[in-house]
Amino acid sequence: MAAAEGWRSAHGIAEQSEAMTELIRLGLLSEIAKIFWLVSDKTPEKVSQLADSAMSDLNSPTLQKLVQTE
């Protein structure tokens, strides 16, 4: 809980529950990015670069194949 409070305070978030939601969302996005890089056989970039490029890769053919349903 101390980490959430620190995150909340550092980013000017009003409610602790909002800070927890944001931390969980960021954690899930990080895990999704790791799986994407593993499946697409790419070498993971530095974390800061990965965050910048992850959104542009969401429309990649590899990811589209992963989420297609029959």
C-alpha atoms as a PDB file:
ATOM      1  CA  MET A   1       0.000   0.000   0.000  1.00  0.00           C
ATOM      2  CA  ALA A   2       2.955   2.313   0.577  1.00  0.00           C
ATOM      3  CA  ALA A   3       3.880   2.004  -3.112  1.00  0.00           C
ATOM      4  CA  ALA A   4       0.360   2.980  -4.152  1.00  0.00           C
ATOM      5  CA  GLU A   5       0.432   5.937  -1.781  1.00  0.00           C
ATOM      6  CA  GLY A   6       3.794   7.034  -3.191  1.00  0.00           C
ATOM      7  CA  TRP A   7       2.476   6.697  -6.750  1.00  0.00           C
ATOM      8  CA  ARG A   8      -0.668   8.645  -5.833  1.00  0.00           C
ATOM      9  CA  SER A   9       1.313  11.412  -4.187  1.00  0.00           C
ATOM     10  CA  ALA A  10       3.947  11.677  -6.931  1.00  0.00           C
ATOM     11  CA  HIS A  11       1.376  11.895  -9.717  1.00  0.00           C
ATOM     12  CA  GLY A  12      -1.160  14.115  -7.982  1.00  0.00           C
ATOM     13  CA  ILE A  13      -3.895  11.495  -7.987  1.00  0.00           C
ATOM     14  CA  ALA A  14      -6.721  12.346  -5.593  1.00  0.00           C
ATOM     15  CA  GLU A  15      -7.899   8.879  -4.517  1.00  0.00           C
ATOM     16  CA  GLN A  16      -5.825   5.872  -3.486  1.00  0.00           C
ATOM     17  CA  SER A  17      -8.220   3.564  -5.352  1.00  0.00           C
ATOM     18  CA  GLU A  18      -7.532   5.521  -8.545  1.00  0.00           C
ATOM     19  CA  ALA A  19      -3.784   5.106  -7.978  1.00  0.00           C
ATOM     20  CA  MET A  20      -4.244   1.346  -7.489  1.00  0.00           C
ATOM     21  CA  THR A  21      -6.278   1.126 -10.699  1.00  0.00           C
ATOM     22  CA  GLU A  22      -3.559   2.973 -12.612  1.00  0.00           C
ATOM     23  CA  LEU A  23      -0.788   0.765 -11.199  1.00  0.00           C
ATOM     24  CA  ILE A  24      -2.713  -2.389 -12.103  1.00  0.00           C
ATOM     25  CA  ARG A  25      -3.388  -1.085 -15.618  1.00  0.00           C
ATOM     26  CA  LEU A  26       0.294  -0.285 -16.143  1.00  0.00           C
ATOM     27  CA  GLY A  27       1.297  -3.695 -14.824  1.00  0.00           C
ATOM     28  CA  LEU A  28      -1.095  -5.462 -17.179  1.00  0.00           C
ATOM     29  CA  LEU A  29       0.132  -3.431 -20.147  1.00  0.00           C
ATOM     30  CA  SER A  30       3.702  -4.351 -19.238  1.00  0.00           C
ATOM     31  CA  GLU A  31       2.842  -8.061 -19.131  1.00  0.00           C
ATOM     32  CA  ILE A  32       0.971  -7.851 -22.445  1.00  0.00           C
ATOM     33  CA  ALA A  33       3.995  -6.175 -24.040  1.00  0.00           C
ATOM     34  CA  LYS A  34       6.333  -8.895 -22.729  1.00  0.00           C
ATOM     35  CA  ILE A  35       4.124 -11.633 -24.192  1.00  0.00           C
ATOM     36  CA  PHE A  36       3.845  -9.793 -27.494  1.00  0.00           C
ATOM     37  CA  TRP A  37       7.624  -9.501 -27.803  1.00  0.00           C
ATOM     38  CA  LEU A  38       8.059 -13.170 -26.889  1.00  0.00           C
ATOM     39  CA  VAL A  39       5.501 -14.369 -29.435  1.00  0.00           C
ATOM     40  CA  SER A  40       6.736 -12.102 -32.208  1.00  0.00           C
ATOM     41  CA  ASP A  41      10.353 -13.236 -31.696  1.00  0.00           C
ATOM     42  CA  LYS A  42      11.581  -9.690 -31.173  1.00  0.00           C
ATOM     43  CA  THR A  43      14.268  -8.770 -28.700  1.00  0.00           C
ATOM     44  CA  PRO A  44      12.729  -6.639 -25.935  1.00  0.00           C
ATOM     45  CA  GLU A  45      13.790  -3.021 -26.078  1.00  0.00           C
ATOM     46  CA  LYS A  46      14.638  -0.886 -23.109  1.00  0.00           C
ATOM     47  CA  VAL A  47      11.578  -0.277 -20.962  1.00  0.00           C
ATOM     48  CA  SER A  48      11.317   3.392 -21.941  1.00  0.00           C
ATOM     49  CA  GLN A  49      11.497   2.561 -25.637  1.00  0.00           C
ATOM     50  CA  LEU A  50       9.054  -0.308 -25.250  1.00  0.00           C
ATOM     51  CA  ALA A  51       6.443   1.975 -23.716  1.00  0.00           C
ATOM     52  CA  ASP A  52       6.770   4.372 -26.656  1.00  0.00           C
ATOM     53  CA  SER A  53       6.524   1.690 -29.318  1.00  0.00           C
ATOM     54  CA  ALA A  54       3.927  -0.611 -27.732  1.00  0.00           C
ATOM     55  CA  MET A  55       0.953   1.440 -28.863  1.00  0.00           C
ATOM     56  CA  SER A  56       2.086   1.543 -32.496  1.00  0.00           C
ATOM     57  CA  ASP A  57       2.574  -2.236 -32.461  1.00  0.00           C
ATOM     58  CA  LEU A  58      -0.999  -2.925 -31.350  1.00  0.00           C
ATOM     59  CA  ASN A  59      -2.154  -2.992 -34.970  1.00  0.00           C
ATOM     60  CA  SER A  60       0.610  -5.325 -36.155  1.00  0.00           C
ATOM     61  CA  PRO A  61      -0.348  -8.415 -38.193  1.00  0.00           C
ATOM     62  CA  THR A  62       1.241 -10.678 -35.564  1.00  0.00           C
ATOM     63  CA  LEU A  63      -0.932  -9.286 -32.792  1.00  0.00           C
ATOM     64  CA  GLN A  64      -4.016  -9.335 -35.010  1.00  0.00           C
ATOM     65  CA  LYS A  65      -3.472 -13.078 -35.577  1.00  0.00           C
ATOM     66  CA  LEU A  66      -3.201 -13.603 -31.826  1.00  0.00           C
ATOM     67  CA  VAL A  67      -6.572 -12.022 -31.128  1.00  0.00           C
ATOM     68  CA  GLN A  68      -8.532 -13.439 -34.063  1.00  0.00           C
ATOM     69  CA  THR A  69     -11.324 -15.858 -33.269  1.00  0.00           C
ATOM     70  CA  GLU A  70     -12.822 -18.370 -35.632  1.00  0.00           C
END
